Amino acid sequence: MQRSMHILAEVAQETGVAPDDLRGAKRTHDIAKARFIAIYAIRQALGLSYNQIRRMFDYKHHTSIMYAIARVESAPALKAVANRIIERQAA
């Protein structure tokens, strides 16, 4: 859990979105993109299950996590940000 919080802090710094907003209910475009990046980075860096990530973000269905990951994988700019964060986690 501590590593996931560190990833959230990295995403917040990289995107300019407050860490609380990443796990909150706000759905503005910027916050949603940052949240998707955080979800993707946590999945890739930590290998958590969809359900573990779902609980962390207080989503009702694991398919929301699957959707977020698919969105990042299909958007090169989002994936580039996520990969920078993942690389920093590995270092």
PDB file of N, CA and C in Angstrom:
ATOM      1  N   MET A   1       0.817  -1.193   0.000  1.00  0.00           N
ATOM      2  CA  MET A   1       0.000   0.000   0.000  1.00  0.00           C
ATOM      3  C   MET A   1       0.862   1.258   0.000  1.00  0.00           C
ATOM      4  N   GLN A   2       1.994   1.207   0.682  1.00  0.00           N
ATOM      5  CA  GLN A   2       2.872   2.357   0.758  1.00  0.00           C
ATOM      6  C   GLN A   2       3.441   2.686  -0.621  1.00  0.00           C
ATOM      7  N   ARG A   3       3.790   1.666  -1.394  1.00  0.00           N
ATOM      8  CA  ARG A   3       4.316   1.904  -2.740  1.00  0.00           C
ATOM      9  C   ARG A   3       3.241   2.492  -3.635  1.00  0.00           C
ATOM     10  N   SER A   4       2.006   2.056  -3.472  1.00  0.00           N
ATOM     11  CA  SER A   4       0.938   2.614  -4.291  1.00  0.00           C
ATOM     12  C   SER A   4       0.715   4.087  -3.961  1.00  0.00           C
ATOM     13  N   MET A   5       0.849   4.455  -2.701  1.00  0.00           N
ATOM     14  CA  MET A   5       0.711   5.857  -2.318  1.00  0.00           C
ATOM     15  C   MET A   5       1.848   6.693  -2.906  1.00  0.00           C
ATOM     16  N   HIS A   6       3.013   6.107  -2.990  1.00  0.00           N
ATOM     17  CA  HIS A   6       4.142   6.806  -3.601  1.00  0.00           C
ATOM     18  C   HIS A   6       3.865   7.024  -5.090  1.00  0.00           C
ATOM     19  N   ILE A   7       3.297   6.041  -5.752  1.00  0.00           N
ATOM     20  CA  ILE A   7       2.935   6.190  -7.164  1.00  0.00           C
ATOM     21  C   ILE A   7       1.887   7.289  -7.319  1.00  0.00           C
ATOM     22  N   LEU A   8       0.897   7.323  -6.440  1.00  0.00           N
ATOM     23  CA  LEU A   8      -0.113   8.381  -6.487  1.00  0.00           C
ATOM     24  C   LEU A   8       0.540   9.756  -6.340  1.00  0.00           C
ATOM     25  N   ALA A   9       1.502   9.871  -5.450  1.00  0.00           N
ATOM     26  CA  ALA A   9       2.198  11.146  -5.268  1.00  0.00           C
ATOM     27  C   ALA A   9       2.971  11.531  -6.529  1.00  0.00           C
ATOM     28  N   GLU A  10       3.596  10.553  -7.160  1.00  0.00           N
ATOM     29  CA  GLU A  10       4.334  10.810  -8.411  1.00  0.00           C
ATOM     30  C   GLU A  10       3.389  11.267  -9.513  1.00  0.00           C
ATOM     31  N   VAL A  11       2.249  10.610  -9.633  1.00  0.00           N
ATOM     32  CA  VAL A  11       1.269  10.990 -10.650  1.00  0.00           C
ATOM     33  C   VAL A  11       0.759  12.397 -10.374  1.00  0.00           C
ATOM     34  N   ALA A  12       0.488  12.701  -9.122  1.00  0.00           N
ATOM     35  CA  ALA A  12       0.007  14.027  -8.756  1.00  0.00           C
ATOM     36  C   ALA A  12       1.031  15.095  -9.150  1.00  0.00           C
ATOM     37  N   GLN A  13       2.286  14.830  -8.865  1.00  0.00           N
ATOM     38  CA  GLN A  13       3.339  15.779  -9.205  1.00  0.00           C
ATOM     39  C   GLN A  13       3.466  15.929 -10.721  1.00  0.00           C
ATOM     40  N   GLU A  14       3.422  14.840 -11.423  1.00  0.00           N
ATOM     41  CA  GLU A  14       3.588  14.838 -12.887  1.00  0.00           C
ATOM     42  C   GLU A  14       2.420  15.518 -13.598  1.00  0.00           C
ATOM     43  N   THR A  15       1.222  15.364 -13.073  1.00  0.00           N
ATOM     44  CA  THR A  15       0.028  15.858 -13.767  1.00  0.00           C
ATOM     45  C   THR A  15      -0.541  17.150 -13.180  1.00  0.00           C
ATOM     46  N   GLY A  16      -0.127  17.514 -11.977  1.00  0.00           N
ATOM     47  CA  GLY A  16      -0.647  18.713 -11.353  1.00  0.00           C
ATOM     48  C   GLY A  16      -2.012  18.526 -10.705  1.00  0.00           C
ATOM     49  N   VAL A  17      -2.417  17.281 -10.531  1.00  0.00           N
ATOM     50  CA  VAL A  17      -3.695  16.960  -9.882  1.00  0.00           C
ATOM     51  C   VAL A  17      -3.410  16.585  -8.425  1.00  0.00           C
ATOM     52  N   ALA A  18      -4.214  17.090  -7.528  1.00  0.00           N
ATOM     53  CA  ALA A  18      -4.016  16.805  -6.097  1.00  0.00           C
ATOM     54  C   ALA A  18      -4.154  15.308  -5.814  1.00  0.00           C
ATOM     55  N   PRO A  19      -3.304  14.753  -4.953  1.00  0.00           N
ATOM     56  CA  PRO A  19      -3.387  13.319  -4.640  1.00  0.00           C
ATOM     57  C   PRO A  19      -4.771  12.879  -4.154  1.00  0.00           C
ATOM     58  N   ASP A  20      -5.435  13.712  -3.367  1.00  0.00           N
ATOM     59  CA  ASP A  20      -6.773  13.355  -2.893  1.00  0.00           C
ATOM     60  C   ASP A  20      -7.770  13.248  -4.043  1.00  0.00           C
ATOM     61  N   ASP A  21      -7.591  14.076  -5.071  1.00  0.00           N
ATOM     62  CA  ASP A  21      -8.486  14.021  -6.233  1.00  0.00           C
ATOM     63  C   ASP A  21      -8.297  12.740  -7.037  1.00  0.00           C
ATOM     64  N   LEU A  22      -7.092  12.177  -7.006  1.00  0.00           N
ATOM     65  CA  LEU A  22      -6.848  10.935  -7.743  1.00  0.00           C
ATOM     66  C   LEU A  22      -7.707   9.795  -7.219  1.00  0.00           C
ATOM     67  N   ARG A  23      -7.963   9.795  -5.920  1.00  0.00           N
ATOM     68  CA  ARG A  23      -8.774   8.743  -5.314  1.00  0.00           C
ATOM     69  C   ARG A  23     -10.188   9.191  -5.008  1.00  0.00           C
ATOM     70  N   GLY A  24     -10.487  10.448  -5.317  1.00  0.00           N
ATOM     71  CA  GLY A  24     -11.799  11.001  -5.023  1.00  0.00           C
ATOM     72  C   GLY A  24     -12.824  10.706  -6.105  1.00  0.00           C
ATOM     73  N   ALA A  25     -13.963  11.355  -5.993  1.00  0.00           N
ATOM     74  CA  ALA A  25     -15.091  11.098  -6.894  1.00  0.00           C
ATOM     75  C   ALA A  25     -15.188  12.098  -8.042  1.00  0.00           C
ATOM     76  N   LYS A  26     -14.359  13.142  -8.041  1.00  0.00           N
ATOM     77  CA  LYS A  26     -14.430  14.133  -9.109  1.00  0.00           C
ATOM     78  C   LYS A  26     -14.129  13.479 -10.451  1.00  0.00           C
ATOM     79  N   ARG A  27     -14.818  13.930 -11.491  1.00  0.00           N
ATOM     80  CA  ARG A  27     -14.679  13.288 -12.792  1.00  0.00           C
ATOM     81  C   ARG A  27     -14.314  14.257 -13.911  1.00  0.00           C
ATOM     82  N   THR A  28     -13.675  15.361 -13.575  1.00  0.00           N
ATOM     83  CA  THR A  28     -13.270  16.287 -14.626  1.00  0.00           C
ATOM     84  C   THR A  28     -12.250  15.598 -15.535  1.00  0.00           C
ATOM     85  N   HIS A  29     -12.109  16.133 -16.719  1.00  0.00           N
ATOM     86  CA  HIS A  29     -11.251  15.504 -17.724  1.00  0.00           C
ATOM     87  C   HIS A  29      -9.811  15.326 -17.220  1.00  0.00           C
ATOM     88  N   ASP A  30      -9.244  16.383 -16.656  1.00  0.00           N
ATOM     89  CA  ASP A  30      -7.856  16.314 -16.179  1.00  0.00           C
ATOM     90  C   ASP A  30      -7.687  15.311 -15.048  1.00  0.00           C
ATOM     91  N   ILE A  31      -8.642  15.295 -14.138  1.00  0.00           N
ATOM     92  CA  ILE A  31      -8.557  14.357 -13.017  1.00  0.00           C
ATOM     93  C   ILE A  31      -8.737  12.928 -13.503  1.00  0.00           C
ATOM     94  N   ALA A  32      -9.664  12.710 -14.416  1.00  0.00           N
ATOM     95  CA  ALA A  32      -9.883  11.352 -14.938  1.00  0.00           C
ATOM     96  C   ALA A  32      -8.641  10.838 -15.653  1.00  0.00           C
ATOM     97  N   LYS A  33      -8.003  11.679 -16.461  1.00  0.00           N
ATOM     98  CA  LYS A  33      -6.782  11.253 -17.156  1.00  0.00           C
ATOM     99  C   LYS A  33      -5.691  10.901 -16.160  1.00  0.00           C
ATOM    100  N   ALA A  34      -5.521  11.746 -15.149  1.00  0.00           N
ATOM    101  CA  ALA A  34      -4.495  11.483 -14.136  1.00  0.00           C
ATOM    102  C   ALA A  34      -4.815  10.203 -13.367  1.00  0.00           C
ATOM    103  N   ARG A  35      -6.083   9.989 -13.064  1.00  0.00           N
ATOM    104  CA  ARG A  35      -6.501   8.775 -12.364  1.00  0.00           C
ATOM    105  C   ARG A  35      -6.205   7.539 -13.215  1.00  0.00           C
ATOM    106  N   PHE A  36      -6.479   7.614 -14.513  1.00  0.00           N
ATOM    107  CA  PHE A  36      -6.188   6.500 -15.409  1.00  0.00           C
ATOM    108  C   PHE A  36      -4.685   6.197 -15.415  1.00  0.00           C
ATOM    109  N   ILE A  37      -3.872   7.242 -15.443  1.00  0.00           N
ATOM    110  CA  ILE A  37      -2.413   7.056 -15.406  1.00  0.00           C
ATOM    111  C   ILE A  37      -2.013   6.367 -14.108  1.00  0.00           C
ATOM    112  N   ALA A  38      -2.580   6.793 -13.000  1.00  0.00           N
ATOM    113  CA  ALA A  38      -2.259   6.194 -11.699  1.00  0.00           C
ATOM    114  C   ALA A  38      -2.649   4.720 -11.671  1.00  0.00           C
ATOM    115  N   ILE A  39      -3.817   4.415 -12.166  1.00  0.00           N
ATOM    116  CA  ILE A  39      -4.288   3.021 -12.189  1.00  0.00           C
ATOM    117  C   ILE A  39      -3.354   2.167 -13.032  1.00  0.00           C
ATOM    118  N   TYR A  40      -3.005   2.655 -14.213  1.00  0.00           N
ATOM    119  CA  TYR A  40      -2.113   1.906 -15.109  1.00  0.00           C
ATOM    120  C   TYR A  40      -0.750   1.696 -14.443  1.00  0.00           C
ATOM    121  N   ALA A  41      -0.196   2.770 -13.864  1.00  0.00           N
ATOM    122  CA  ALA A  41       1.128   2.674 -13.244  1.00  0.00           C
ATOM    123  C   ALA A  41       1.122   1.703 -12.067  1.00  0.00           C
ATOM    124  N   ILE A  42       0.080   1.738 -11.264  1.00  0.00           N
ATOM    125  CA  ILE A  42      -0.012   0.815 -10.123  1.00  0.00           C
ATOM    126  C   ILE A  42      -0.106  -0.623 -10.609  1.00  0.00           C
ATOM    127  N   ARG A  43      -0.902  -0.857 -11.624  1.00  0.00           N
ATOM    128  CA  ARG A  43      -1.044  -2.220 -12.172  1.00  0.00           C
ATOM    129  C   ARG A  43       0.290  -2.716 -12.717  1.00  0.00           C
ATOM    130  N   GLN A  44       0.980  -1.881 -13.497  1.00  0.00           N
ATOM    131  CA  GLN A  44       2.223  -2.304 -14.127  1.00  0.00           C
ATOM    132  C   GLN A  44       3.373  -2.423 -13.132  1.00  0.00           C
ATOM    133  N   ALA A  45       3.495  -1.453 -12.234  1.00  0.00           N
ATOM    134  CA  ALA A  45       4.632  -1.437 -11.306  1.00  0.00           C
ATOM    135  C   ALA A  45       4.480  -2.431 -10.167  1.00  0.00           C
ATOM    136  N   LEU A  46       3.252  -2.607  -9.681  1.00  0.00           N
ATOM    137  CA  LEU A  46       3.049  -3.437  -8.500  1.00  0.00           C
ATOM    138  C   LEU A  46       2.375  -4.767  -8.798  1.00  0.00           C
ATOM    139  N   GLY A  47       1.769  -4.876  -9.967  1.00  0.00           N
ATOM    140  CA  GLY A  47       1.109  -6.129 -10.336  1.00  0.00           C
ATOM    141  C   GLY A  47      -0.116  -6.451  -9.512  1.00  0.00           C
ATOM    142  N   LEU A  48      -0.766  -5.426  -8.966  1.00  0.00           N
ATOM    143  CA  LEU A  48      -1.975  -5.673  -8.174  1.00  0.00           C
ATOM    144  C   LEU A  48      -3.111  -6.140  -9.080  1.00  0.00           C
ATOM    145  N   SER A  49      -4.031  -6.894  -8.523  1.00  0.00           N
ATOM    146  CA  SER A  49      -5.181  -7.378  -9.288  1.00  0.00           C
ATOM    147  C   SER A  49      -6.150  -6.229  -9.548  1.00  0.00           C
ATOM    148  N   TYR A  50      -7.038  -6.438 -10.508  1.00  0.00           N
ATOM    149  CA  TYR A  50      -8.054  -5.431 -10.800  1.00  0.00           C
ATOM    150  C   TYR A  50      -8.886  -5.140  -9.554  1.00  0.00           C
ATOM    151  N   ASN A  51      -9.224  -6.168  -8.805  1.00  0.00           N
ATOM    152  CA  ASN A  51     -10.040  -5.968  -7.605  1.00  0.00           C
ATOM    153  C   ASN A  51      -9.293  -5.214  -6.511  1.00  0.00           C
ATOM    154  N   GLN A  52      -8.011  -5.471  -6.364  1.00  0.00           N
ATOM    155  CA  GLN A  52      -7.236  -4.722  -5.369  1.00  0.00           C
ATOM    156  C   GLN A  52      -7.197  -3.236  -5.726  1.00  0.00           C
ATOM    157  N   ILE A  53      -6.977  -2.954  -6.999  1.00  0.00           N
ATOM    158  CA  ILE A  53      -6.945  -1.559  -7.450  1.00  0.00           C
ATOM    159  C   ILE A  53      -8.339  -0.946  -7.337  1.00  0.00           C
ATOM    160  N   ARG A  54      -9.364  -1.701  -7.666  1.00  0.00           N
ATOM    161  CA  ARG A  54     -10.748  -1.225  -7.569  1.00  0.00           C
ATOM    162  C   ARG A  54     -11.058  -0.761  -6.148  1.00  0.00           C
ATOM    163  N   ARG A  55     -10.652  -1.564  -5.185  1.00  0.00           N
ATOM    164  CA  ARG A  55     -10.893  -1.202  -3.784  1.00  0.00           C
ATOM    165  C   ARG A  55     -10.102   0.055  -3.397  1.00  0.00           C
ATOM    166  N   MET A  56      -8.890   0.165  -3.900  1.00  0.00           N
ATOM    167  CA  MET A  56      -8.050   1.313  -3.587  1.00  0.00           C
ATOM    168  C   MET A  56      -8.689   2.624  -4.077  1.00  0.00           C
ATOM    169  N   PHE A  57      -9.334   2.558  -5.237  1.00  0.00           N
ATOM    170  CA  PHE A  57      -9.960   3.745  -5.815  1.00  0.00           C
ATOM    171  C   PHE A  57     -11.459   3.813  -5.526  1.00  0.00           C
ATOM    172  N   ASP A  58     -11.957   2.889  -4.755  1.00  0.00           N
ATOM    173  CA  ASP A  58     -13.360   2.851  -4.348  1.00  0.00           C
ATOM    174  C   ASP A  58     -14.323   2.792  -5.537  1.00  0.00           C
ATOM    175  N   TYR A  59     -13.951   1.991  -6.540  1.00  0.00           N
ATOM    176  CA  TYR A  59     -14.833   1.750  -7.679  1.00  0.00           C
ATOM    177  C   TYR A  59     -15.721   0.560  -7.363  1.00  0.00           C
ATOM    178  N   LYS A  60     -16.864   0.504  -8.010  1.00  0.00           N
ATOM    179  CA  LYS A  60     -17.798  -0.592  -7.754  1.00  0.00           C
ATOM    180  C   LYS A  60     -17.460  -1.850  -8.538  1.00  0.00           C
ATOM    181  N   HIS A  61     -16.864  -1.693  -9.721  1.00  0.00           N
ATOM    182  CA  HIS A  61     -16.620  -2.848 -10.595  1.00  0.00           C
ATOM    183  C   HIS A  61     -15.176  -2.878 -11.081  1.00  0.00           C
ATOM    184  N   HIS A  62     -14.616  -4.062 -11.168  1.00  0.00           N
ATOM    185  CA  HIS A  62     -13.253  -4.201 -11.666  1.00  0.00           C
ATOM    186  C   HIS A  62     -13.146  -3.796 -13.130  1.00  0.00           C
ATOM    187  N   THR A  63     -14.267  -3.799 -13.843  1.00  0.00           N
ATOM    188  CA  THR A  63     -14.227  -3.423 -15.250  1.00  0.00           C
ATOM    189  C   THR A  63     -13.877  -1.942 -15.421  1.00  0.00           C
ATOM    190  N   SER A  64     -14.126  -1.130 -14.417  1.00  0.00           N
ATOM    191  CA  SER A  64     -13.699   0.275 -14.473  1.00  0.00           C
ATOM    192  C   SER A  64     -12.183   0.367 -14.528  1.00  0.00           C
ATOM    193  N   ILE A  65     -11.517  -0.519 -13.820  1.00  0.00           N
ATOM    194  CA  ILE A  65     -10.055  -0.567 -13.829  1.00  0.00           C
ATOM    195  C   ILE A  65      -9.565  -1.045 -15.194  1.00  0.00           C
ATOM    196  N   MET A  66     -10.227  -2.040 -15.726  1.00  0.00           N
ATOM    197  CA  MET A  66      -9.862  -2.546 -17.052  1.00  0.00           C
ATOM    198  C   MET A  66     -10.011  -1.444 -18.106  1.00  0.00           C
ATOM    199  N   TYR A  67     -11.077  -0.660 -18.002  1.00  0.00           N
ATOM    200  CA  TYR A  67     -11.311   0.437 -18.933  1.00  0.00           C
ATOM    201  C   TYR A  67     -10.201   1.486 -18.821  1.00  0.00           C
ATOM    202  N   ALA A  68      -9.824   1.845 -17.604  1.00  0.00           N
ATOM    203  CA  ALA A  68      -8.772   2.844 -17.396  1.00  0.00           C
ATOM    204  C   ALA A  68      -7.455   2.383 -18.015  1.00  0.00           C
ATOM    205  N   ILE A  69      -7.122   1.123 -17.830  1.00  0.00           N
ATOM    206  CA  ILE A  69      -5.879   0.583 -18.378  1.00  0.00           C
ATOM    207  C   ILE A  69      -5.926   0.593 -19.901  1.00  0.00           C
ATOM    208  N   ALA A  70      -7.053   0.217 -20.465  1.00  0.00           N
ATOM    209  CA  ALA A  70      -7.202   0.227 -21.925  1.00  0.00           C
ATOM    210  C   ALA A  70      -7.071   1.642 -22.476  1.00  0.00           C
ATOM    211  N   ARG A  71      -7.621   2.621 -21.772  1.00  0.00           N
ATOM    212  CA  ARG A  71      -7.518   4.011 -22.223  1.00  0.00           C
ATOM    213  C   ARG A  71      -6.066   4.472 -22.265  1.00  0.00           C
ATOM    214  N   VAL A  72      -5.291   4.126 -21.263  1.00  0.00           N
ATOM    215  CA  VAL A  72      -3.874   4.526 -21.240  1.00  0.00           C
ATOM    216  C   VAL A  72      -3.111   3.796 -22.337  1.00  0.00           C
ATOM    217  N   GLU A  73      -3.382   2.513 -22.504  1.00  0.00           N
ATOM    218  CA  GLU A  73      -2.680   1.744 -23.532  1.00  0.00           C
ATOM    219  C   GLU A  73      -2.971   2.263 -24.940  1.00  0.00           C
ATOM    220  N   SER A  74      -4.123   2.878 -25.143  1.00  0.00           N
ATOM    221  CA  SER A  74      -4.485   3.372 -26.471  1.00  0.00           C
ATOM    222  C   SER A  74      -4.131   4.849 -26.682  1.00  0.00           C
ATOM    223  N   ALA A  75      -3.580   5.498 -25.683  1.00  0.00           N
ATOM    224  CA  ALA A  75      -3.213   6.917 -25.786  1.00  0.00           C
ATOM    225  C   ALA A  75      -1.712   7.070 -25.541  1.00  0.00           C
ATOM    226  N   PRO A  76      -0.921   7.262 -26.593  1.00  0.00           N
ATOM    227  CA  PRO A  76       0.540   7.340 -26.432  1.00  0.00           C
ATOM    228  C   PRO A  76       1.006   8.393 -25.428  1.00  0.00           C
ATOM    229  N   ALA A  77       0.358   9.532 -25.376  1.00  0.00           N
ATOM    230  CA  ALA A  77       0.786  10.574 -24.441  1.00  0.00           C
ATOM    231  C   ALA A  77       0.579  10.143 -22.984  1.00  0.00           C
ATOM    232  N   LEU A  78      -0.558   9.526 -22.707  1.00  0.00           N
ATOM    233  CA  LEU A  78      -0.816   9.042 -21.345  1.00  0.00           C
ATOM    234  C   LEU A  78       0.133   7.910 -20.978  1.00  0.00           C
ATOM    235  N   LYS A  79       0.365   7.032 -21.935  1.00  0.00           N
ATOM    236  CA  LYS A  79       1.251   5.894 -21.686  1.00  0.00           C
ATOM    237  C   LYS A  79       2.686   6.365 -21.427  1.00  0.00           C
ATOM    238  N   ALA A  80       3.114   7.416 -22.122  1.00  0.00           N
ATOM    239  CA  ALA A  80       4.461   7.952 -21.914  1.00  0.00           C
ATOM    240  C   ALA A  80       4.614   8.489 -20.491  1.00  0.00           C
ATOM    241  N   VAL A  81       3.621   9.199 -20.007  1.00  0.00           N
ATOM    242  CA  VAL A  81       3.659   9.714 -18.629  1.00  0.00           C
ATOM    243  C   VAL A  81       3.695   8.550 -17.641  1.00  0.00           C
ATOM    244  N   ALA A  82       2.835   7.576 -17.857  1.00  0.00           N
ATOM    245  CA  ALA A  82       2.786   6.409 -16.966  1.00  0.00           C
ATOM    246  C   ALA A  82       4.113   5.665 -16.964  1.00  0.00           C
ATOM    247  N   ASN A  83       4.698   5.498 -18.131  1.00  0.00           N
ATOM    248  CA  ASN A  83       5.966   4.764 -18.214  1.00  0.00           C
ATOM    249  C   ASN A  83       7.091   5.501 -17.503  1.00  0.00           C
ATOM    250  N   ARG A  84       7.101   6.838 -17.561  1.00  0.00           N
ATOM    251  CA  ARG A  84       8.114   7.598 -16.812  1.00  0.00           C
ATOM    252  C   ARG A  84       7.973   7.337 -15.317  1.00  0.00           C
ATOM    253  N   ILE A  85       6.757   7.300 -14.846  1.00  0.00           N
ATOM    254  CA  ILE A  85       6.507   7.050 -13.422  1.00  0.00           C
ATOM    255  C   ILE A  85       6.917   5.631 -13.048  1.00  0.00           C
ATOM    256  N   ILE A  86       6.582   4.671 -13.899  1.00  0.00           N
ATOM    257  CA  ILE A  86       6.943   3.272 -13.652  1.00  0.00           C
ATOM    258  C   ILE A  86       8.460   3.109 -13.626  1.00  0.00           C
ATOM    259  N   GLU A  87       9.160   3.770 -14.547  1.00  0.00           N
ATOM    260  CA  GLU A  87      10.623   3.686 -14.579  1.00  0.00           C
ATOM    261  C   GLU A  87      11.244   4.252 -13.310  1.00  0.00           C
ATOM    262  N   ARG A  88      10.687   5.354 -12.814  1.00  0.00           N
ATOM    263  CA  ARG A  88      11.204   5.928 -11.564  1.00  0.00           C
ATOM    264  C   ARG A  88      10.971   4.980 -10.385  1.00  0.00           C
ATOM    265  N   GLN A  89       9.888   4.216 -10.426  1.00  0.00           N
ATOM    266  CA  GLN A  89       9.608   3.255  -9.357  1.00  0.00           C
ATOM    267  C   GLN A  89      10.618   2.113  -9.376  1.00  0.00           C
ATOM    268  N   ALA A  90      11.056   1.742 -10.562  1.00  0.00           N
ATOM    269  CA  ALA A  90      11.985   0.619 -10.700  1.00  0.00           C
ATOM    270  C   ALA A  90      13.402   1.009 -10.300  1.00  0.00           C
ATOM    271  N   ALA A  91      13.697   2.292 -10.333  1.00  0.00           N
ATOM    272  CA  ALA A  91      15.062   2.753 -10.039  1.00  0.00           C
ATOM    273  C   ALA A  91      15.366   2.736  -8.568  1.00  0.00           C
TER     274      ALA A  91
END
